[in-house]
């Protein structure tokens, strides 16, 4: 079971989360840079198009982690045991699409 950013924040385990928007493009796009201090990451697809995340390499359509359109999400945390602190890239098939990123 995933633990939400608000639960981390209210428990005092993490500093205040940072919220950003990233325009995921039809070519490899940096979603977040490598961050050895990362303890939590949530990505929500706020667009009408499927996007793909790729951990530590160039994003390629139909490979990596699929984020479905209209709210598809991916969450990683130290608590869940799936935390990745390297760079994460994204891609989609149609151009600039908004991904919402919360990182702590």
N, C-alpha and C. Protein backbone atom coordinates (compact mmCIF):
# COMPACT_ATOMS: atom_id res chain seq x y z
N UNK A 1 0.83 -1.18 0.00
CA UNK A 1 0.00 0.00 0.00
C UNK A 1 0.88 1.24 0.00
N UNK A 2 0.60 2.16 -0.91
CA UNK A 2 1.38 3.38 -1.02
C UNK A 2 1.00 4.36 0.08
N UNK A 3 1.97 5.16 0.49
CA UNK A 3 1.75 6.19 1.49
C UNK A 3 1.77 7.53 0.78
N UNK A 4 0.74 8.33 0.98
CA UNK A 4 0.63 9.59 0.25
C UNK A 4 1.65 10.62 0.73
N UNK A 5 1.89 11.61 -0.12
CA UNK A 5 2.83 12.69 0.23
C UNK A 5 2.37 13.39 1.49
N UNK A 6 1.06 13.60 1.62
CA UNK A 6 0.57 14.30 2.81
C UNK A 6 0.84 13.50 4.08
N UNK A 7 0.76 12.17 3.99
CA UNK A 7 1.05 11.33 5.16
C UNK A 7 2.52 11.45 5.54
N UNK A 8 3.41 11.45 4.56
CA UNK A 8 4.83 11.64 4.84
C UNK A 8 5.06 12.98 5.50
N UNK A 9 4.48 14.01 4.93
CA UNK A 9 4.71 15.35 5.42
C UNK A 9 4.18 15.51 6.85
N UNK A 10 2.96 15.04 7.09
CA UNK A 10 2.38 15.22 8.41
C UNK A 10 3.08 14.39 9.47
N UNK A 11 3.73 13.31 9.07
CA UNK A 11 4.44 12.48 10.05
C UNK A 11 5.82 13.04 10.38
N UNK A 12 6.26 14.04 9.61
CA UNK A 12 7.56 14.64 9.86
C UNK A 12 8.71 13.85 9.26
N UNK A 13 8.42 12.83 8.45
CA UNK A 13 9.47 12.03 7.86
C UNK A 13 10.22 12.78 6.75
N UNK A 14 9.55 13.70 6.10
CA UNK A 14 10.14 14.41 4.97
C UNK A 14 9.95 15.90 5.09
N UNK A 15 10.82 16.63 4.40
CA UNK A 15 10.62 18.07 4.27
C UNK A 15 9.39 18.31 3.40
N UNK A 16 8.96 19.53 3.33
CA UNK A 16 7.79 19.88 2.52
C UNK A 16 7.99 19.43 1.07
N UNK A 17 6.98 18.79 0.51
CA UNK A 17 7.09 18.35 -0.88
C UNK A 17 7.12 19.54 -1.85
N UNK A 18 7.74 19.33 -2.99
CA UNK A 18 7.81 20.35 -4.04
C UNK A 18 6.92 19.88 -5.19
N UNK A 19 6.03 20.76 -5.63
CA UNK A 19 5.10 20.43 -6.71
C UNK A 19 5.53 21.17 -7.98
N UNK A 20 5.64 20.45 -9.10
CA UNK A 20 5.99 21.07 -10.37
C UNK A 20 5.14 20.46 -11.48
N UNK A 21 5.14 21.13 -12.61
CA UNK A 21 4.52 20.61 -13.82
C UNK A 21 5.62 20.44 -14.85
N UNK A 22 5.56 19.34 -15.58
CA UNK A 22 6.55 19.08 -16.62
C UNK A 22 5.81 18.86 -17.94
N UNK A 23 6.26 19.51 -19.00
CA UNK A 23 5.69 19.28 -20.33
C UNK A 23 6.41 18.09 -20.95
N UNK A 24 5.77 16.94 -20.90
CA UNK A 24 6.32 15.74 -21.51
C UNK A 24 6.12 15.85 -23.02
N UNK A 25 7.17 15.62 -23.79
CA UNK A 25 7.13 15.83 -25.24
C UNK A 25 7.12 14.51 -26.01
N UNK A 26 7.07 14.61 -27.32
CA UNK A 26 7.09 13.42 -28.17
C UNK A 26 8.51 12.93 -28.43
N UNK A 27 9.48 13.57 -27.79
CA UNK A 27 10.86 13.09 -27.78
C UNK A 27 11.29 13.01 -26.31
N UNK A 28 12.38 12.35 -26.04
CA UNK A 28 12.85 12.18 -24.67
C UNK A 28 12.88 13.51 -23.92
N UNK A 29 12.25 13.54 -22.75
CA UNK A 29 12.15 14.74 -21.93
C UNK A 29 12.56 14.40 -20.50
N UNK A 30 13.38 15.25 -19.88
CA UNK A 30 13.75 15.02 -18.48
C UNK A 30 12.54 15.36 -17.61
N UNK A 31 12.08 14.38 -16.85
CA UNK A 31 10.99 14.60 -15.90
C UNK A 31 11.56 15.14 -14.60
N UNK A 32 12.53 14.43 -14.02
CA UNK A 32 13.26 14.89 -12.83
C UNK A 32 14.71 14.47 -12.98
N UNK A 33 15.60 15.33 -12.51
CA UNK A 33 17.02 15.01 -12.51
C UNK A 33 17.32 14.03 -11.39
N UNK A 34 18.47 13.41 -11.45
CA UNK A 34 18.92 12.54 -10.36
C UNK A 34 18.93 13.36 -9.07
N UNK A 35 18.53 12.73 -7.97
CA UNK A 35 18.45 13.42 -6.69
C UNK A 35 18.69 12.41 -5.58
N UNK A 36 19.89 12.41 -5.02
CA UNK A 36 20.23 11.45 -3.96
C UNK A 36 19.50 11.73 -2.66
N UNK A 37 18.85 12.89 -2.55
CA UNK A 37 18.06 13.21 -1.36
C UNK A 37 16.58 12.86 -1.53
N UNK A 38 16.20 12.37 -2.71
CA UNK A 38 14.79 12.05 -2.96
C UNK A 38 14.34 10.93 -2.02
N UNK A 39 13.18 11.16 -1.39
CA UNK A 39 12.58 10.15 -0.51
C UNK A 39 11.20 9.74 -0.99
N UNK A 40 10.62 10.56 -1.88
CA UNK A 40 9.25 10.32 -2.35
C UNK A 40 9.07 10.99 -3.70
N UNK A 41 8.31 10.34 -4.58
CA UNK A 41 7.99 10.92 -5.88
C UNK A 41 6.61 10.43 -6.30
N UNK A 42 5.79 11.36 -6.75
CA UNK A 42 4.48 11.04 -7.31
C UNK A 42 4.37 11.75 -8.64
N UNK A 43 3.99 11.02 -9.70
CA UNK A 43 3.79 11.60 -11.02
C UNK A 43 2.36 11.27 -11.45
N UNK A 44 1.62 12.30 -11.86
CA UNK A 44 0.25 12.13 -12.33
C UNK A 44 0.15 12.68 -13.74
N UNK A 45 -0.43 11.89 -14.63
CA UNK A 45 -0.63 12.31 -16.01
C UNK A 45 -1.91 13.14 -16.09
N UNK A 46 -1.75 14.44 -16.29
CA UNK A 46 -2.88 15.37 -16.34
C UNK A 46 -3.26 15.68 -17.78
N UNK A 47 -2.98 14.74 -18.69
CA UNK A 47 -3.24 14.98 -20.11
C UNK A 47 -4.20 13.92 -20.66
N UNK A 48 -4.50 14.06 -21.93
CA UNK A 48 -5.41 13.15 -22.61
C UNK A 48 -4.67 12.07 -23.41
N UNK A 49 -3.38 11.92 -23.15
CA UNK A 49 -2.54 11.00 -23.91
C UNK A 49 -1.71 10.13 -22.97
N UNK A 50 -1.53 8.87 -23.31
CA UNK A 50 -0.66 7.98 -22.53
C UNK A 50 0.77 8.52 -22.61
N UNK A 51 1.47 8.53 -21.48
CA UNK A 51 2.88 8.90 -21.41
C UNK A 51 3.65 7.73 -20.81
N UNK A 52 4.95 7.69 -21.06
CA UNK A 52 5.81 6.63 -20.53
C UNK A 52 6.96 7.25 -19.75
N UNK A 53 7.27 6.66 -18.61
CA UNK A 53 8.43 7.05 -17.81
C UNK A 53 9.53 6.03 -18.00
N UNK A 54 10.76 6.49 -17.97
CA UNK A 54 11.90 5.57 -18.10
C UNK A 54 12.93 5.95 -17.04
N UNK A 55 13.28 5.00 -16.22
CA UNK A 55 14.23 5.24 -15.14
C UNK A 55 15.66 5.08 -15.65
N UNK A 56 16.45 6.15 -15.59
CA UNK A 56 17.87 6.07 -15.85
C UNK A 56 18.31 5.93 -17.29
N UNK A 57 17.46 6.24 -18.23
CA UNK A 57 17.85 6.13 -19.63
C UNK A 57 16.91 6.95 -20.50
N UNK A 58 17.11 6.86 -21.80
CA UNK A 58 16.28 7.58 -22.75
C UNK A 58 14.89 6.97 -22.83
N UNK A 59 13.87 7.81 -22.68
CA UNK A 59 12.49 7.33 -22.74
C UNK A 59 12.13 6.93 -24.17
N UNK A 60 11.42 5.81 -24.28
CA UNK A 60 10.97 5.28 -25.56
C UNK A 60 9.49 4.93 -25.41
N UNK A 61 8.68 5.32 -26.39
CA UNK A 61 7.25 5.00 -26.33
C UNK A 61 7.05 3.49 -26.21
N UNK A 62 6.10 3.10 -25.41
CA UNK A 62 5.71 1.70 -25.18
C UNK A 62 6.75 0.90 -24.40
N UNK A 63 7.67 1.59 -23.72
CA UNK A 63 8.64 0.90 -22.86
C UNK A 63 8.75 1.66 -21.55
N UNK A 64 9.06 0.94 -20.49
CA UNK A 64 9.20 1.58 -19.19
C UNK A 64 7.91 1.53 -18.41
N UNK A 65 7.56 2.62 -17.77
CA UNK A 65 6.39 2.70 -16.91
C UNK A 65 5.31 3.51 -17.63
N UNK A 66 4.17 2.86 -17.87
CA UNK A 66 3.06 3.50 -18.59
C UNK A 66 2.22 4.33 -17.61
N UNK A 67 1.96 5.58 -18.00
CA UNK A 67 1.02 6.43 -17.26
C UNK A 67 -0.20 6.63 -18.15
N UNK A 68 -1.31 6.03 -17.77
CA UNK A 68 -2.52 6.19 -18.57
C UNK A 68 -2.96 7.64 -18.59
N UNK A 69 -3.71 8.00 -19.62
CA UNK A 69 -4.23 9.35 -19.77
C UNK A 69 -5.22 9.67 -18.64
N UNK A 70 -5.45 10.96 -18.43
CA UNK A 70 -6.49 11.43 -17.52
C UNK A 70 -6.34 10.91 -16.10
N UNK A 71 -5.16 11.06 -15.53
CA UNK A 71 -4.97 10.73 -14.12
C UNK A 71 -4.14 9.51 -13.81
N UNK A 72 -3.61 8.84 -14.81
CA UNK A 72 -2.71 7.72 -14.54
C UNK A 72 -1.56 8.20 -13.68
N UNK A 73 -1.10 7.38 -12.74
CA UNK A 73 -0.08 7.86 -11.82
C UNK A 73 0.94 6.78 -11.49
N UNK A 74 2.07 7.25 -10.98
CA UNK A 74 3.13 6.37 -10.50
C UNK A 74 3.69 6.99 -9.24
N UNK A 75 3.83 6.18 -8.20
CA UNK A 75 4.30 6.67 -6.92
C UNK A 75 5.46 5.80 -6.46
N UNK A 76 6.50 6.43 -5.94
CA UNK A 76 7.62 5.67 -5.38
C UNK A 76 8.05 6.31 -4.08
N UNK A 77 8.49 5.45 -3.16
CA UNK A 77 8.91 5.96 -1.86
C UNK A 77 9.89 5.00 -1.20
N UNK A 78 10.59 5.52 -0.24
CA UNK A 78 11.48 4.71 0.57
C UNK A 78 10.67 3.67 1.33
N UNK A 79 9.53 4.08 1.89
CA UNK A 79 8.67 3.19 2.66
C UNK A 79 8.14 2.04 1.81
N UNK A 80 7.79 2.32 0.56
CA UNK A 80 7.23 1.29 -0.32
C UNK A 80 8.32 0.36 -0.87
N UNK A 81 9.57 0.78 -0.74
CA UNK A 81 10.68 -0.04 -1.21
C UNK A 81 10.93 0.04 -2.70
N UNK A 82 10.35 1.04 -3.38
CA UNK A 82 10.56 1.16 -4.82
C UNK A 82 11.18 2.50 -5.22
N UNK A 83 11.88 3.13 -4.28
CA UNK A 83 12.46 4.44 -4.53
C UNK A 83 13.63 4.34 -5.50
N UNK A 84 13.63 5.23 -6.49
CA UNK A 84 14.73 5.37 -7.44
C UNK A 84 15.20 6.81 -7.37
N UNK A 85 16.49 7.02 -7.20
CA UNK A 85 17.02 8.37 -7.03
C UNK A 85 17.76 8.90 -8.26
N UNK A 86 17.78 8.13 -9.32
CA UNK A 86 18.42 8.58 -10.56
C UNK A 86 17.48 9.45 -11.37
N UNK A 87 17.97 9.88 -12.54
CA UNK A 87 17.16 10.71 -13.44
C UNK A 87 16.01 9.88 -14.01
N UNK A 88 14.88 10.54 -14.22
CA UNK A 88 13.70 9.90 -14.80
C UNK A 88 13.28 10.74 -16.00
N UNK A 89 13.08 10.07 -17.13
CA UNK A 89 12.69 10.74 -18.37
C UNK A 89 11.28 10.32 -18.75
N UNK A 90 10.66 11.09 -19.67
CA UNK A 90 9.32 10.76 -20.13
C UNK A 90 9.21 11.00 -21.63
N UNK A 91 8.13 10.44 -22.20
CA UNK A 91 7.84 10.60 -23.63
C UNK A 91 6.36 10.30 -23.85
N UNK A 92 5.81 10.87 -24.93
CA UNK A 92 4.46 10.52 -25.37
C UNK A 92 4.44 10.59 -26.89
N UNK A 93 3.31 10.31 -27.50
CA UNK A 93 3.27 10.21 -28.95
C UNK A 93 2.79 11.46 -29.67
N UNK A 94 2.35 12.50 -28.93
CA UNK A 94 1.70 13.61 -29.63
C UNK A 94 2.21 15.01 -29.33
N UNK A 95 3.18 15.19 -28.48
CA UNK A 95 3.65 16.55 -28.19
C UNK A 95 3.50 16.91 -26.74
N UNK A 96 3.57 18.20 -26.43
CA UNK A 96 3.57 18.67 -25.04
C UNK A 96 2.32 18.23 -24.28
N UNK A 97 2.52 17.42 -23.25
CA UNK A 97 1.45 16.95 -22.37
C UNK A 97 1.90 17.15 -20.94
N UNK A 98 1.00 17.56 -20.07
CA UNK A 98 1.34 17.94 -18.71
C UNK A 98 1.40 16.74 -17.76
N UNK A 99 2.53 16.61 -17.09
CA UNK A 99 2.66 15.67 -15.99
C UNK A 99 2.85 16.48 -14.70
N UNK A 100 2.11 16.11 -13.67
CA UNK A 100 2.22 16.77 -12.37
C UNK A 100 3.18 15.97 -11.52
N UNK A 101 4.16 16.63 -10.92
CA UNK A 101 5.21 15.95 -10.17
C UNK A 101 5.24 16.49 -8.74
N UNK A 102 5.20 15.58 -7.78
CA UNK A 102 5.41 15.93 -6.38
C UNK A 102 6.62 15.15 -5.91
N UNK A 103 7.59 15.87 -5.36
CA UNK A 103 8.84 15.24 -4.96
C UNK A 103 9.26 15.77 -3.59
N UNK A 104 9.75 14.85 -2.77
CA UNK A 104 10.25 15.26 -1.46
C UNK A 104 11.51 14.48 -1.16
